[in-house]
């Protein structure tokens, strides 16, 4: 990968992260953090075409309510939703799950490095 391509990939990742944060901020600023405080996307300043919004919906962090204010079931069509809200509990669980996953990957890499170091030392001792 060229240096320019790496910069472009990092810039795209940063832009996506900002877009995800902007969706969460819009929900919080408008107070849409519970089913009874759900707001239409237009009121939140969000578009149904937003990739960040769709990602949060797929993860269950942004949820919808029907015209009676009842939470919809995950997987229901969002086109008929009357309002949307941020499920803070789901967001925290999602955020913490990412931290745990990174920690597991880091520990696995460390264990692999120690194993390779041990094998290298074993080979050195066996030669002498």
C-alpha atoms as a PDB file:
ATOM      1  CA  UNK A   1       0.000   0.000   0.000  1.00  0.00           C
ATOM      2  CA  UNK A   2       1.429   3.366  -0.970  1.00  0.00           C
ATOM      3  CA  UNK A   3       1.807   6.241   1.449  1.00  0.00           C
ATOM      4  CA  UNK A   4      -0.929   8.192  -0.342  1.00  0.00           C
ATOM      5  CA  UNK A   5      -3.313   5.251  -0.145  1.00  0.00           C
ATOM      6  CA  UNK A   6      -2.615   4.862   3.572  1.00  0.00           C
ATOM      7  CA  UNK A   7      -3.343   8.543   4.164  1.00  0.00           C
ATOM      8  CA  UNK A   8      -6.583   8.244   2.190  1.00  0.00           C
ATOM      9  CA  UNK A   9      -7.623   5.163   4.192  1.00  0.00           C
ATOM     10  CA  UNK A  10      -6.935   6.928   7.491  1.00  0.00           C
ATOM     11  CA  UNK A  11      -8.823  10.015   6.321  1.00  0.00           C
ATOM     12  CA  UNK A  12     -11.828   7.892   5.320  1.00  0.00           C
ATOM     13  CA  UNK A  13     -11.774   6.104   8.673  1.00  0.00           C
ATOM     14  CA  UNK A  14     -11.606   9.435  10.535  1.00  0.00           C
ATOM     15  CA  UNK A  15     -14.482  10.860   8.461  1.00  0.00           C
ATOM     16  CA  UNK A  16     -16.632   7.804   9.206  1.00  0.00           C
ATOM     17  CA  UNK A  17     -15.866   8.098  12.925  1.00  0.00           C
ATOM     18  CA  UNK A  18     -16.852  11.785  12.873  1.00  0.00           C
ATOM     19  CA  UNK A  19     -20.100  10.916  11.083  1.00  0.00           C
ATOM     20  CA  UNK A  20     -20.932   8.262  13.702  1.00  0.00           C
ATOM     21  CA  UNK A  21     -20.217  10.759  16.489  1.00  0.00           C
ATOM     22  CA  UNK A  22     -22.362  13.411  14.774  1.00  0.00           C
ATOM     23  CA  UNK A  23     -25.345  11.031  14.753  1.00  0.00           C
ATOM     24  CA  UNK A  24     -24.964  10.343  18.477  1.00  0.00           C
ATOM     25  CA  UNK A  25     -24.529  14.053  19.207  1.00  0.00           C
ATOM     26  CA  UNK A  26     -27.677  14.948  17.242  1.00  0.00           C
ATOM     27  CA  UNK A  27     -29.707  12.449  19.260  1.00  0.00           C
ATOM     28  CA  UNK A  28     -28.323  13.683  22.575  1.00  0.00           C
ATOM     29  CA  UNK A  29     -28.700  17.399  21.785  1.00  0.00           C
ATOM     30  CA  UNK A  30     -32.369  16.891  20.863  1.00  0.00           C
ATOM     31  CA  UNK A  31     -32.913  14.742  23.964  1.00  0.00           C
ATOM     32  CA  UNK A  32     -33.881  11.681  21.917  1.00  0.00           C
ATOM     33  CA  UNK A  33     -32.483   9.192  24.415  1.00  0.00           C
ATOM     34  CA  UNK A  34     -35.583   7.191  25.345  1.00  0.00           C
ATOM     35  CA  UNK A  35     -38.629   5.829  23.508  1.00  0.00           C
ATOM     36  CA  UNK A  36     -40.927   8.520  24.945  1.00  0.00           C
ATOM     37  CA  UNK A  37     -38.528  11.231  23.674  1.00  0.00           C
ATOM     38  CA  UNK A  38     -38.030   9.811  20.172  1.00  0.00           C
ATOM     39  CA  UNK A  39     -37.866  12.364  17.354  1.00  0.00           C
ATOM     40  CA  UNK A  40     -38.355  12.193  13.575  1.00  0.00           C
ATOM     41  CA  UNK A  41     -35.129  12.184  11.572  1.00  0.00           C
ATOM     42  CA  UNK A  42     -35.911  15.607  10.076  1.00  0.00           C
ATOM     43  CA  UNK A  43     -36.181  17.101  13.570  1.00  0.00           C
ATOM     44  CA  UNK A  44     -32.840  15.546  14.449  1.00  0.00           C
ATOM     45  CA  UNK A  45     -31.234  16.943  11.301  1.00  0.00           C
ATOM     46  CA  UNK A  46     -30.434  13.432  10.089  1.00  0.00           C
ATOM     47  CA  UNK A  47     -31.060  11.679   6.799  1.00  0.00           C
ATOM     48  CA  UNK A  48     -32.213   8.091   6.342  1.00  0.00           C
ATOM     49  CA  UNK A  49     -29.484   7.846   3.694  1.00  0.00           C
ATOM     50  CA  UNK A  50     -26.742   8.355   6.292  1.00  0.00           C
ATOM     51  CA  UNK A  51     -24.379   5.379   6.398  1.00  0.00           C
ATOM     52  CA  UNK A  52     -23.502   6.197  10.018  1.00  0.00           C
ATOM     53  CA  UNK A  53     -27.180   6.220  11.003  1.00  0.00           C
ATOM     54  CA  UNK A  54     -27.798   2.891   9.255  1.00  0.00           C
ATOM     55  CA  UNK A  55     -24.747   1.404  11.004  1.00  0.00           C
ATOM     56  CA  UNK A  56     -26.002   2.471  14.462  1.00  0.00           C
ATOM     57  CA  UNK A  57     -29.469   1.109  13.598  1.00  0.00           C
ATOM     58  CA  UNK A  58     -28.025  -2.232  12.518  1.00  0.00           C
ATOM     59  CA  UNK A  59     -26.125  -2.448  15.813  1.00  0.00           C
ATOM     60  CA  UNK A  60     -29.287  -1.667  17.799  1.00  0.00           C
ATOM     61  CA  UNK A  61     -27.886   1.590  19.195  1.00  0.00           C
ATOM     62  CA  UNK A  62     -30.386   3.813  17.365  1.00  0.00           C
ATOM     63  CA  UNK A  63     -33.901   2.468  17.755  1.00  0.00           C
ATOM     64  CA  UNK A  64     -37.253   3.482  16.398  1.00  0.00           C
ATOM     65  CA  UNK A  65     -40.812   3.883  17.659  1.00  0.00           C
ATOM     66  CA  UNK A  66     -44.099   3.519  15.815  1.00  0.00           C
ATOM     67  CA  UNK A  67     -46.802   6.168  15.553  1.00  0.00           C
ATOM     68  CA  UNK A  68     -48.099   5.203  19.011  1.00  0.00           C
ATOM     69  CA  UNK A  69     -44.680   5.715  20.579  1.00  0.00           C
ATOM     70  CA  UNK A  70     -44.020   2.003  21.071  1.00  0.00           C
ATOM     71  CA  UNK A  71     -40.511   0.712  20.362  1.00  0.00           C
ATOM     72  CA  UNK A  72     -40.347  -1.256  17.146  1.00  0.00           C
ATOM     73  CA  UNK A  73     -38.725  -4.652  16.838  1.00  0.00           C
ATOM     74  CA  UNK A  74     -35.185  -4.736  15.484  1.00  0.00           C
ATOM     75  CA  UNK A  75     -35.368  -5.632  11.823  1.00  0.00           C
ATOM     76  CA  UNK A  76     -38.679  -3.829  11.240  1.00  0.00           C
ATOM     77  CA  UNK A  77     -38.772  -1.396   8.362  1.00  0.00           C
ATOM     78  CA  UNK A  78     -37.490   1.988   9.438  1.00  0.00           C
ATOM     79  CA  UNK A  79     -39.460   3.685   6.658  1.00  0.00           C
ATOM     80  CA  UNK A  80     -42.656   3.464   8.716  1.00  0.00           C
ATOM     81  CA  UNK A  81     -41.031   4.595  11.982  1.00  0.00           C
ATOM     82  CA  UNK A  82     -42.460   7.747  13.552  1.00  0.00           C
ATOM     83  CA  UNK A  83     -39.357   8.577  15.587  1.00  0.00           C
ATOM     84  CA  UNK A  84     -35.882   7.517  16.563  1.00  0.00           C
ATOM     85  CA  UNK A  85     -33.915   7.554  19.790  1.00  0.00           C
ATOM     86  CA  UNK A  86     -30.468   6.676  21.099  1.00  0.00           C
ATOM     87  CA  UNK A  87     -30.383   3.658  23.387  1.00  0.00           C
ATOM     88  CA  UNK A  88     -27.503   4.720  25.650  1.00  0.00           C
ATOM     89  CA  UNK A  89     -27.277   1.291  27.287  1.00  0.00           C
ATOM     90  CA  UNK A  90     -26.868  -0.393  23.904  1.00  0.00           C
ATOM     91  CA  UNK A  91     -24.279   2.226  22.917  1.00  0.00           C
ATOM     92  CA  UNK A  92     -22.211   1.623  26.059  1.00  0.00           C
ATOM     93  CA  UNK A  93     -22.348  -2.135  25.531  1.00  0.00           C
ATOM     94  CA  UNK A  94     -21.304  -1.695  21.888  1.00  0.00           C
ATOM     95  CA  UNK A  95     -18.471   0.662  22.815  1.00  0.00           C
ATOM     96  CA  UNK A  96     -17.162  -1.621  25.569  1.00  0.00           C
ATOM     97  CA  UNK A  97     -17.395  -4.683  23.330  1.00  0.00           C
ATOM     98  CA  UNK A  98     -14.991  -2.984  20.902  1.00  0.00           C
ATOM     99  CA  UNK A  99     -12.504  -2.269  23.694  1.00  0.00           C
ATOM    100  CA  UNK A 100     -12.647  -5.885  24.867  1.00  0.00           C
ATOM    101  CA  UNK A 101     -12.120  -7.178  21.328  1.00  0.00           C
ATOM    102  CA  UNK A 102      -9.042  -4.991  20.857  1.00  0.00           C
ATOM    103  CA  UNK A 103      -7.673  -6.117  24.212  1.00  0.00           C
ATOM    104  CA  UNK A 104      -8.097  -9.790  23.261  1.00  0.00           C
ATOM    105  CA  UNK A 105      -6.321  -9.202  19.939  1.00  0.00           C
ATOM    106  CA  UNK A 106      -3.459  -7.407  21.680  1.00  0.00           C
ATOM    107  CA  UNK A 107      -3.076 -10.222  24.219  1.00  0.00           C
ATOM    108  CA  UNK A 108      -3.136 -12.849  21.466  1.00  0.00           C
ATOM    109  CA  UNK A 109      -0.369 -11.013  19.604  1.00  0.00           C
ATOM    110  CA  UNK A 110       1.660 -10.736  22.798  1.00  0.00           C
ATOM    111  CA  UNK A 111       1.253 -14.473  23.477  1.00  0.00           C
ATOM    112  CA  UNK A 112       2.336 -15.270  19.912  1.00  0.00           C
ATOM    113  CA  UNK A 113       5.394 -13.027  20.241  1.00  0.00           C
ATOM    114  CA  UNK A 114       6.366 -14.698  23.539  1.00  0.00           C
ATOM    115  CA  UNK A 115       5.903 -18.139  21.988  1.00  0.00           C
ATOM    116  CA  UNK A 116       8.147 -17.226  19.060  1.00  0.00           C
ATOM    117  CA  UNK A 117      10.733 -15.764  21.422  1.00  0.00           C
ATOM    118  CA  UNK A 118      10.659 -18.960  23.494  1.00  0.00           C
ATOM    119  CA  UNK A 119      11.114 -21.109  20.390  1.00  0.00           C
ATOM    120  CA  UNK A 120      14.026 -18.960  19.236  1.00  0.00           C
ATOM    121  CA  UNK A 121      15.709 -19.276  22.650  1.00  0.00           C
ATOM    122  CA  UNK A 122      15.090 -23.026  22.657  1.00  0.00           C
ATOM    123  CA  UNK A 123      16.770 -23.349  19.252  1.00  0.00           C
ATOM    124  CA  UNK A 124      19.742 -21.287  20.424  1.00  0.00           C
ATOM    125  CA  UNK A 125      20.183 -23.437  23.543  1.00  0.00           C
ATOM    126  CA  UNK A 126      19.835 -26.646  21.506  1.00  0.00           C
ATOM    127  CA  UNK A 127      22.642 -25.556  19.157  1.00  0.00           C
ATOM    128  CA  UNK A 128      25.129 -25.094  21.964  1.00  0.00           C
END
